[in-house]
Amino acid sequence: MDEDFFNRLKERLKEDTTWPAIYMFKFIVPSDNRKIARVEQLFNAEEASVSLRESRNGKYTSVTAKELMISPERVIDRYKEAAEIEGLIAL
């Protein structure tokens, strides 16, 4: 994910959503407990709903999180934090 991607996403979020809003993040990570825990730590345990689903062969885990976000900039910040996790794919 490069800066161009983030700029396009920010513009789309500004056009399509009224803020604050519940935003759904979807990630795929290798099924490594440390990596899964790092993704879960991105979200406030008290305010976010996080669900995990392991792939059929067990190599990957999908993480879906819904959280109240106050602005497109906060969404972008969260994606940038997630991008630091090795092997993570943001959907």
PDB file of N, CA and C in Angstrom:
ATOM      1  N   MET A   1       0.858  -1.181   0.000  1.00  0.00           N
ATOM      2  CA  MET A   1       0.000   0.000   0.000  1.00  0.00           C
ATOM      3  C   MET A   1       0.898   1.237   0.000  1.00  0.00           C
ATOM      4  N   ASP A   2       0.704   2.050  -1.001  1.00  0.00           N
ATOM      5  CA  ASP A   2       1.511   3.253  -1.091  1.00  0.00           C
ATOM      6  C   ASP A   2       0.661   4.492  -0.789  1.00  0.00           C
ATOM      7  N   GLU A   3       1.299   5.637  -0.791  1.00  0.00           N
ATOM      8  CA  GLU A   3       0.613   6.885  -0.440  1.00  0.00           C
ATOM      9  C   GLU A   3      -0.520   7.213  -1.412  1.00  0.00           C
ATOM     10  N   ASP A   4      -0.352   6.851  -2.677  1.00  0.00           N
ATOM     11  CA  ASP A   4      -1.411   7.054  -3.672  1.00  0.00           C
ATOM     12  C   ASP A   4      -2.673   6.281  -3.294  1.00  0.00           C
ATOM     13  N   PHE A   5      -2.470   5.028  -2.882  1.00  0.00           N
ATOM     14  CA  PHE A   5      -3.590   4.200  -2.447  1.00  0.00           C
ATOM     15  C   PHE A   5      -4.328   4.873  -1.297  1.00  0.00           C
ATOM     16  N   PHE A   6      -3.582   5.355  -0.316  1.00  0.00           N
ATOM     17  CA  PHE A   6      -4.196   5.981   0.853  1.00  0.00           C
ATOM     18  C   PHE A   6      -4.932   7.264   0.486  1.00  0.00           C
ATOM     19  N   ASN A   7      -4.384   8.048  -0.429  1.00  0.00           N
ATOM     20  CA  ASN A   7      -5.064   9.275  -0.856  1.00  0.00           C
ATOM     21  C   ASN A   7      -6.377   8.969  -1.565  1.00  0.00           C
ATOM     22  N   ARG A   8      -6.374   7.958  -2.443  1.00  0.00           N
ATOM     23  CA  ARG A   8      -7.616   7.572  -3.143  1.00  0.00           C
ATOM     24  C   ARG A   8      -8.649   7.055  -2.144  1.00  0.00           C
ATOM     25  N   LEU A   9      -8.200   6.241  -1.198  1.00  0.00           N
ATOM     26  CA  LEU A   9      -9.109   5.710  -0.185  1.00  0.00           C
ATOM     27  C   LEU A   9      -9.705   6.837   0.647  1.00  0.00           C
ATOM     28  N   LYS A  10      -8.888   7.788   1.048  1.00  0.00           N
ATOM     29  CA  LYS A  10      -9.375   8.907   1.853  1.00  0.00           C
ATOM     30  C   LYS A  10     -10.459   9.685   1.107  1.00  0.00           C
ATOM     31  N   GLU A  11     -10.229   9.962  -0.167  1.00  0.00           N
ATOM     32  CA  GLU A  11     -11.224  10.691  -0.967  1.00  0.00           C
ATOM     33  C   GLU A  11     -12.521   9.896  -1.081  1.00  0.00           C
ATOM     34  N   ARG A  12     -12.403   8.588  -1.322  1.00  0.00           N
ATOM     35  CA  ARG A  12     -13.596   7.750  -1.432  1.00  0.00           C
ATOM     36  C   ARG A  12     -14.366   7.707  -0.111  1.00  0.00           C
ATOM     37  N   LEU A  13     -13.637   7.622   0.992  1.00  0.00           N
ATOM     38  CA  LEU A  13     -14.296   7.594   2.301  1.00  0.00           C
ATOM     39  C   LEU A  13     -15.005   8.921   2.593  1.00  0.00           C
ATOM     40  N   LYS A  14     -14.413  10.017   2.181  1.00  0.00           N
ATOM     41  CA  LYS A  14     -15.040  11.326   2.399  1.00  0.00           C
ATOM     42  C   LYS A  14     -16.318  11.464   1.582  1.00  0.00           C
ATOM     43  N   GLU A  15     -16.328  10.910   0.379  1.00  0.00           N
ATOM     44  CA  GLU A  15     -17.491  11.021  -0.504  1.00  0.00           C
ATOM     45  C   GLU A  15     -18.625  10.092  -0.102  1.00  0.00           C
ATOM     46  N   ASP A  16     -18.264   8.881   0.336  1.00  0.00           N
ATOM     47  CA  ASP A  16     -19.269   7.832   0.529  1.00  0.00           C
ATOM     48  C   ASP A  16     -19.817   7.687   1.941  1.00  0.00           C
ATOM     49  N   THR A  17     -19.228   8.357   2.913  1.00  0.00           N
ATOM     50  CA  THR A  17     -19.589   8.087   4.305  1.00  0.00           C
ATOM     51  C   THR A  17     -19.748   9.373   5.092  1.00  0.00           C
ATOM     52  N   THR A  18     -20.710   9.362   5.996  1.00  0.00           N
ATOM     53  CA  THR A  18     -20.872  10.457   6.949  1.00  0.00           C
ATOM     54  C   THR A  18     -20.164  10.039   8.232  1.00  0.00           C
ATOM     55  N   TRP A  19     -19.299  10.906   8.722  1.00  0.00           N
ATOM     56  CA  TRP A  19     -18.471  10.577   9.887  1.00  0.00           C
ATOM     57  C   TRP A  19     -18.973  11.259  11.134  1.00  0.00           C
ATOM     58  N   PRO A  20     -18.841  10.636  12.294  1.00  0.00           N
ATOM     59  CA  PRO A  20     -18.276   9.320  12.598  1.00  0.00           C
ATOM     60  C   PRO A  20     -19.166   8.200  12.057  1.00  0.00           C
ATOM     61  N   ALA A  21     -18.544   7.031  11.861  1.00  0.00           N
ATOM     62  CA  ALA A  21     -19.256   5.876  11.305  1.00  0.00           C
ATOM     63  C   ALA A  21     -18.597   4.581  11.754  1.00  0.00           C
ATOM     64  N   ILE A  22     -19.396   3.526  11.747  1.00  0.00           N
ATOM     65  CA  ILE A  22     -18.846   2.198  11.991  1.00  0.00           C
ATOM     66  C   ILE A  22     -18.142   1.784  10.705  1.00  0.00           C
ATOM     67  N   TYR A  23     -16.881   1.421  10.814  1.00  0.00           N
ATOM     68  CA  TYR A  23     -16.110   1.012   9.646  1.00  0.00           C
ATOM     69  C   TYR A  23     -15.683  -0.442   9.824  1.00  0.00           C
ATOM     70  N   MET A  24     -15.778  -1.220   8.740  1.00  0.00           N
ATOM     71  CA  MET A  24     -15.397  -2.625   8.805  1.00  0.00           C
ATOM     72  C   MET A  24     -14.047  -2.817   8.111  1.00  0.00           C
ATOM     73  N   PHE A  25     -13.095  -3.320   8.863  1.00  0.00           N
ATOM     74  CA  PHE A  25     -11.772  -3.650   8.353  1.00  0.00           C
ATOM     75  C   PHE A  25     -11.723  -5.150   8.118  1.00  0.00           C
ATOM     76  N   LYS A  26     -11.077  -5.557   7.018  1.00  0.00           N
ATOM     77  CA  LYS A  26     -10.893  -6.979   6.736  1.00  0.00           C
ATOM     78  C   LYS A  26      -9.433  -7.208   6.368  1.00  0.00           C
ATOM     79  N   PHE A  27      -8.834  -8.169   7.053  1.00  0.00           N
ATOM     80  CA  PHE A  27      -7.441  -8.502   6.817  1.00  0.00           C
ATOM     81  C   PHE A  27      -7.297 -10.010   6.714  1.00  0.00           C
ATOM     82  N   ILE A  28      -6.265 -10.436   6.010  1.00  0.00           N
ATOM     83  CA  ILE A  28      -5.863 -11.842   5.990  1.00  0.00           C
ATOM     84  C   ILE A  28      -4.418 -11.880   6.456  1.00  0.00           C
ATOM     85  N   VAL A  29      -4.133 -12.757   7.418  1.00  0.00           N
ATOM     86  CA  VAL A  29      -2.777 -12.907   7.940  1.00  0.00           C
ATOM     87  C   VAL A  29      -2.417 -14.381   8.005  1.00  0.00           C
ATOM     88  N   PRO A  30      -1.127 -14.685   7.919  1.00  0.00           N
ATOM     89  CA  PRO A  30      -0.721 -16.072   8.146  1.00  0.00           C
ATOM     90  C   PRO A  30      -1.184 -16.510   9.541  1.00  0.00           C
ATOM     91  N   SER A  31      -1.552 -17.762   9.669  1.00  0.00           N
ATOM     92  CA  SER A  31      -2.057 -18.270  10.952  1.00  0.00           C
ATOM     93  C   SER A  31      -0.919 -18.450  11.945  1.00  0.00           C
ATOM     94  N   ASP A  32      -0.401 -17.331  12.373  1.00  0.00           N
ATOM     95  CA  ASP A  32       0.675 -17.259  13.367  1.00  0.00           C
ATOM     96  C   ASP A  32       0.088 -16.474  14.533  1.00  0.00           C
ATOM     97  N   ASN A  33       0.053 -17.077  15.712  1.00  0.00           N
ATOM     98  CA  ASN A  33      -0.601 -16.443  16.862  1.00  0.00           C
ATOM     99  C   ASN A  33      -0.084 -15.043  17.153  1.00  0.00           C
ATOM    100  N   ARG A  34       1.205 -14.810  16.938  1.00  0.00           N
ATOM    101  CA  ARG A  34       1.764 -13.471  17.193  1.00  0.00           C
ATOM    102  C   ARG A  34       1.208 -12.443  16.210  1.00  0.00           C
ATOM    103  N   LYS A  35       1.099 -12.837  14.945  1.00  0.00           N
ATOM    104  CA  LYS A  35       0.583 -11.909  13.935  1.00  0.00           C
ATOM    105  C   LYS A  35      -0.900 -11.646  14.146  1.00  0.00           C
ATOM    106  N   ILE A  36      -1.636 -12.674  14.475  1.00  0.00           N
ATOM    107  CA  ILE A  36      -3.064 -12.499  14.749  1.00  0.00           C
ATOM    108  C   ILE A  36      -3.248 -11.576  15.945  1.00  0.00           C
ATOM    109  N   ALA A  37      -2.460 -11.780  16.980  1.00  0.00           N
ATOM    110  CA  ALA A  37      -2.549 -10.925  18.173  1.00  0.00           C
ATOM    111  C   ALA A  37      -2.211  -9.477  17.834  1.00  0.00           C
ATOM    112  N   ARG A  38      -1.224  -9.266  16.981  1.00  0.00           N
ATOM    113  CA  ARG A  38      -0.876  -7.891  16.585  1.00  0.00           C
ATOM    114  C   ARG A  38      -2.028  -7.216  15.860  1.00  0.00           C
ATOM    115  N   VAL A  39      -2.728  -7.956  15.011  1.00  0.00           N
ATOM    116  CA  VAL A  39      -3.887  -7.377  14.315  1.00  0.00           C
ATOM    117  C   VAL A  39      -4.971  -7.053  15.332  1.00  0.00           C
ATOM    118  N   GLU A  40      -5.253  -7.967  16.235  1.00  0.00           N
ATOM    119  CA  GLU A  40      -6.283  -7.725  17.249  1.00  0.00           C
ATOM    120  C   GLU A  40      -5.947  -6.514  18.108  1.00  0.00           C
ATOM    121  N   GLN A  41      -4.665  -6.291  18.379  1.00  0.00           N
ATOM    122  CA  GLN A  41      -4.250  -5.163  19.213  1.00  0.00           C
ATOM    123  C   GLN A  41      -4.439  -3.812  18.528  1.00  0.00           C
ATOM    124  N   LEU A  42      -4.666  -3.816  17.239  1.00  0.00           N
ATOM    125  CA  LEU A  42      -4.926  -2.565  16.525  1.00  0.00           C
ATOM    126  C   LEU A  42      -6.259  -1.947  16.941  1.00  0.00           C
ATOM    127  N   PHE A  43      -7.126  -2.770  17.500  1.00  0.00           N
ATOM    128  CA  PHE A  43      -8.490  -2.339  17.796  1.00  0.00           C
ATOM    129  C   PHE A  43      -8.753  -2.280  19.290  1.00  0.00           C
ATOM    130  N   ASN A  44      -9.560  -1.307  19.683  1.00  0.00           N
ATOM    131  CA  ASN A  44      -9.933  -1.123  21.070  1.00  0.00           C
ATOM    132  C   ASN A  44     -10.870  -2.259  21.475  1.00  0.00           C
ATOM    133  N   ALA A  45     -10.437  -3.083  22.403  1.00  0.00           N
ATOM    134  CA  ALA A  45     -11.206  -4.264  22.799  1.00  0.00           C
ATOM    135  C   ALA A  45     -12.590  -3.910  23.324  1.00  0.00           C
ATOM    136  N   GLU A  46     -12.742  -2.740  23.912  1.00  0.00           N
ATOM    137  CA  GLU A  46     -14.029  -2.347  24.480  1.00  0.00           C
ATOM    138  C   GLU A  46     -14.980  -1.783  23.431  1.00  0.00           C
ATOM    139  N   GLU A  47     -14.433  -1.240  22.348  1.00  0.00           N
ATOM    140  CA  GLU A  47     -15.269  -0.565  21.360  1.00  0.00           C
ATOM    141  C   GLU A  47     -15.393  -1.299  20.035  1.00  0.00           C
ATOM    142  N   ALA A  48     -14.511  -2.232  19.770  1.00  0.00           N
ATOM    143  CA  ALA A  48     -14.504  -2.910  18.480  1.00  0.00           C
ATOM    144  C   ALA A  48     -15.024  -4.333  18.596  1.00  0.00           C
ATOM    145  N   SER A  49     -15.602  -4.778  17.516  1.00  0.00           N
ATOM    146  CA  SER A  49     -16.025  -6.163  17.399  1.00  0.00           C
ATOM    147  C   SER A  49     -15.038  -6.832  16.445  1.00  0.00           C
ATOM    148  N   VAL A  50     -14.320  -7.845  16.925  1.00  0.00           N
ATOM    149  CA  VAL A  50     -13.304  -8.519  16.117  1.00  0.00           C
ATOM    150  C   VAL A  50     -13.664  -9.996  16.019  1.00  0.00           C
ATOM    151  N   SER A  51     -13.675 -10.510  14.779  1.00  0.00           N
ATOM    152  CA  SER A  51     -13.930 -11.939  14.602  1.00  0.00           C
ATOM    153  C   SER A  51     -12.818 -12.541  13.742  1.00  0.00           C
ATOM    154  N   LEU A  52     -12.516 -13.797  14.018  1.00  0.00           N
ATOM    155  CA  LEU A  52     -11.461 -14.530  13.328  1.00  0.00           C
ATOM    156  C   LEU A  52     -12.051 -15.741  12.632  1.00  0.00           C
ATOM    157  N   ARG A  53     -11.471 -16.057  11.473  1.00  0.00           N
ATOM    158  CA  ARG A  53     -11.912 -17.258  10.772  1.00  0.00           C
ATOM    159  C   ARG A  53     -10.707 -17.864  10.071  1.00  0.00           C
ATOM    160  N   GLU A  54     -10.390 -19.088  10.437  1.00  0.00           N
ATOM    161  CA  GLU A  54      -9.240 -19.757   9.852  1.00  0.00           C
ATOM    162  C   GLU A  54      -9.608 -20.323   8.483  1.00  0.00           C
ATOM    163  N   SER A  55      -8.632 -20.298   7.558  1.00  0.00           N
ATOM    164  CA  SER A  55      -8.863 -20.849   6.230  1.00  0.00           C
ATOM    165  C   SER A  55      -9.027 -22.365   6.318  1.00  0.00           C
ATOM    166  N   ARG A  56      -9.536 -22.929   5.268  1.00  0.00           N
ATOM    167  CA  ARG A  56      -9.810 -24.366   5.240  1.00  0.00           C
ATOM    168  C   ARG A  56      -8.547 -25.192   5.523  1.00  0.00           C
ATOM    169  N   ASN A  57      -7.420 -24.758   4.957  1.00  0.00           N
ATOM    170  CA  ASN A  57      -6.187 -25.524   5.164  1.00  0.00           C
ATOM    171  C   ASN A  57      -5.396 -25.066   6.391  1.00  0.00           C
ATOM    172  N   GLY A  58      -5.876 -24.020   7.075  1.00  0.00           N
ATOM    173  CA  GLY A  58      -5.259 -23.564   8.311  1.00  0.00           C
ATOM    174  C   GLY A  58      -4.036 -22.682   8.149  1.00  0.00           C
ATOM    175  N   LYS A  59      -3.685 -22.333   6.917  1.00  0.00           N
ATOM    176  CA  LYS A  59      -2.489 -21.521   6.697  1.00  0.00           C
ATOM    177  C   LYS A  59      -2.726 -20.039   6.962  1.00  0.00           C
ATOM    178  N   TYR A  60      -3.958 -19.603   6.799  1.00  0.00           N
ATOM    179  CA  TYR A  60      -4.283 -18.182   6.942  1.00  0.00           C
ATOM    180  C   TYR A  60      -5.496 -17.992   7.843  1.00  0.00           C
ATOM    181  N   THR A  61      -5.584 -16.793   8.420  1.00  0.00           N
ATOM    182  CA  THR A  61      -6.720 -16.428   9.250  1.00  0.00           C
ATOM    183  C   THR A  61      -7.254 -15.093   8.751  1.00  0.00           C
ATOM    184  N   SER A  62      -8.560 -15.023   8.547  1.00  0.00           N
ATOM    185  CA  SER A  62      -9.154 -13.735   8.184  1.00  0.00           C
ATOM    186  C   SER A  62      -9.614 -13.056   9.464  1.00  0.00           C
ATOM    187  N   VAL A  63      -9.377 -11.764   9.520  1.00  0.00           N
ATOM    188  CA  VAL A  63      -9.745 -10.962  10.678  1.00  0.00           C
ATOM    189  C   VAL A  63     -10.696  -9.873  10.186  1.00  0.00           C
ATOM    190  N   THR A  64     -11.877  -9.831  10.782  1.00  0.00           N
ATOM    191  CA  THR A  64     -12.850  -8.789  10.470  1.00  0.00           C
ATOM    192  C   THR A  64     -13.085  -8.000  11.749  1.00  0.00           C
ATOM    193  N   ALA A  65     -12.956  -6.694  11.640  1.00  0.00           N
ATOM    194  CA  ALA A  65     -13.144  -5.836  12.809  1.00  0.00           C
ATOM    195  C   ALA A  65     -14.067  -4.686  12.433  1.00  0.00           C
ATOM    196  N   LYS A  66     -15.003  -4.401  13.305  1.00  0.00           N
ATOM    197  CA  LYS A  66     -15.895  -3.253  13.137  1.00  0.00           C
ATOM    198  C   LYS A  66     -15.679  -2.329  14.325  1.00  0.00           C
ATOM    199  N   GLU A  67     -15.438  -1.062  14.001  1.00  0.00           N
ATOM    200  CA  GLU A  67     -15.186  -0.098  15.072  1.00  0.00           C
ATOM    201  C   GLU A  67     -15.689   1.275  14.648  1.00  0.00           C
ATOM    202  N   LEU A  68     -16.134   2.056  15.615  1.00  0.00           N
ATOM    203  CA  LEU A  68     -16.564   3.420  15.346  1.00  0.00           C
ATOM    204  C   LEU A  68     -15.324   4.261  15.072  1.00  0.00           C
ATOM    205  N   MET A  69     -15.268   4.819  13.879  1.00  0.00           N
ATOM    206  CA  MET A  69     -14.143   5.658  13.484  1.00  0.00           C
ATOM    207  C   MET A  69     -14.661   7.082  13.333  1.00  0.00           C
ATOM    208  N   ILE A  70     -13.834   8.050  13.743  1.00  0.00           N
ATOM    209  CA  ILE A  70     -14.310   9.438  13.736  1.00  0.00           C
ATOM    210  C   ILE A  70     -14.043  10.172  12.427  1.00  0.00           C
ATOM    211  N   SER A  71     -13.117   9.636  11.601  1.00  0.00           N
ATOM    212  CA  SER A  71     -12.801  10.332  10.354  1.00  0.00           C
ATOM    213  C   SER A  71     -12.076   9.402   9.390  1.00  0.00           C
ATOM    214  N   PRO A  72     -12.044   9.770   8.114  1.00  0.00           N
ATOM    215  CA  PRO A  72     -11.272   8.973   7.150  1.00  0.00           C
ATOM    216  C   PRO A  72      -9.787   8.910   7.520  1.00  0.00           C
ATOM    217  N   GLU A  73      -9.266   9.965   8.107  1.00  0.00           N
ATOM    218  CA  GLU A  73      -7.857   9.979   8.499  1.00  0.00           C
ATOM    219  C   GLU A  73      -7.548   8.887   9.527  1.00  0.00           C
ATOM    220  N   ARG A  74      -8.473   8.651  10.441  1.00  0.00           N
ATOM    221  CA  ARG A  74      -8.277   7.591  11.448  1.00  0.00           C
ATOM    222  C   ARG A  74      -8.279   6.215  10.795  1.00  0.00           C
ATOM    223  N   VAL A  75      -9.132   6.038   9.775  1.00  0.00           N
ATOM    224  CA  VAL A  75      -9.159   4.772   9.039  1.00  0.00           C
ATOM    225  C   VAL A  75      -7.808   4.552   8.360  1.00  0.00           C
ATOM    226  N   ILE A  76      -7.310   5.589   7.701  1.00  0.00           N
ATOM    227  CA  ILE A  76      -6.017   5.512   7.018  1.00  0.00           C
ATOM    228  C   ILE A  76      -4.905   5.191   8.016  1.00  0.00           C
ATOM    229  N   ASP A  77      -4.924   5.845   9.166  1.00  0.00           N
ATOM    230  CA  ASP A  77      -3.923   5.569  10.201  1.00  0.00           C
ATOM    231  C   ASP A  77      -3.931   4.099  10.600  1.00  0.00           C
ATOM    232  N   ARG A  78      -5.116   3.534  10.736  1.00  0.00           N
ATOM    233  CA  ARG A  78      -5.241   2.132  11.139  1.00  0.00           C
ATOM    234  C   ARG A  78      -4.667   1.212  10.058  1.00  0.00           C
ATOM    235  N   TYR A  79      -4.956   1.518   8.786  1.00  0.00           N
ATOM    236  CA  TYR A  79      -4.400   0.721   7.700  1.00  0.00           C
ATOM    237  C   TYR A  79      -2.872   0.825   7.669  1.00  0.00           C
ATOM    238  N   LYS A  80      -2.334   1.993   7.941  1.00  0.00           N
ATOM    239  CA  LYS A  80      -0.874   2.161   7.958  1.00  0.00           C
ATOM    240  C   LYS A  80      -0.249   1.349   9.083  1.00  0.00           C
ATOM    241  N   GLU A  81      -0.893   1.317  10.240  1.00  0.00           N
ATOM    242  CA  GLU A  81      -0.400   0.496  11.349  1.00  0.00           C
ATOM    243  C   GLU A  81      -0.419  -0.983  10.964  1.00  0.00           C
ATOM    244  N   ALA A  82      -1.515  -1.395  10.332  1.00  0.00           N
ATOM    245  CA  ALA A  82      -1.661  -2.793   9.939  1.00  0.00           C
ATOM    246  C   ALA A  82      -0.628  -3.190   8.888  1.00  0.00           C
ATOM    247  N   ALA A  83      -0.282  -2.279   8.012  1.00  0.00           N
ATOM    248  CA  ALA A  83       0.675  -2.569   6.933  1.00  0.00           C
ATOM    249  C   ALA A  83       2.050  -2.961   7.461  1.00  0.00           C
ATOM    250  N   GLU A  84       2.330  -2.641   8.705  1.00  0.00           N
ATOM    251  CA  GLU A  84       3.618  -2.992   9.314  1.00  0.00           C
ATOM    252  C   GLU A  84       3.696  -4.467   9.720  1.00  0.00           C
ATOM    253  N   ILE A  85       2.573  -5.173   9.694  1.00  0.00           N
ATOM    254  CA  ILE A  85       2.543  -6.567  10.083  1.00  0.00           C
ATOM    255  C   ILE A  85       2.913  -7.419   8.864  1.00  0.00           C
ATOM    256  N   GLU A  86       3.998  -8.156   8.990  1.00  0.00           N
ATOM    257  CA  GLU A  86       4.519  -8.964   7.881  1.00  0.00           C
ATOM    258  C   GLU A  86       3.501  -9.992   7.429  1.00  0.00           C
ATOM    259  N   GLY A  87       3.274 -10.054   6.123  1.00  0.00           N
ATOM    260  CA  GLY A  87       2.381 -11.060   5.541  1.00  0.00           C
ATOM    261  C   GLY A  87       0.921 -10.654   5.533  1.00  0.00           C
ATOM    262  N   LEU A  88       0.571  -9.516   6.106  1.00  0.00           N
ATOM    263  CA  LEU A  88      -0.817  -9.067   6.178  1.00  0.00           C
ATOM    264  C   LEU A  88      -1.297  -8.608   4.810  1.00  0.00           C
ATOM    265  N   ILE A  89      -2.525  -8.970   4.481  1.00  0.00           N
ATOM    266  CA  ILE A  89      -3.193  -8.496   3.272  1.00  0.00           C
ATOM    267  C   ILE A  89      -4.438  -7.761   3.726  1.00  0.00           C
ATOM    268  N   ALA A  90      -4.576  -6.509   3.301  1.00  0.00           N
ATOM    269  CA  ALA A  90      -5.776  -5.723   3.625  1.00  0.00           C
ATOM    270  C   ALA A  90      -6.749  -5.848   2.471  1.00  0.00           C
ATOM    271  N   LEU A  91      -7.999  -6.110   2.805  1.00  0.00           N
ATOM    272  CA  LEU A  91      -9.032  -6.235   1.762  1.00  0.00           C
ATOM    273  C   LEU A  91      -9.919  -5.011   1.745  1.00  0.00           C
TER     274      LEU A  91
END
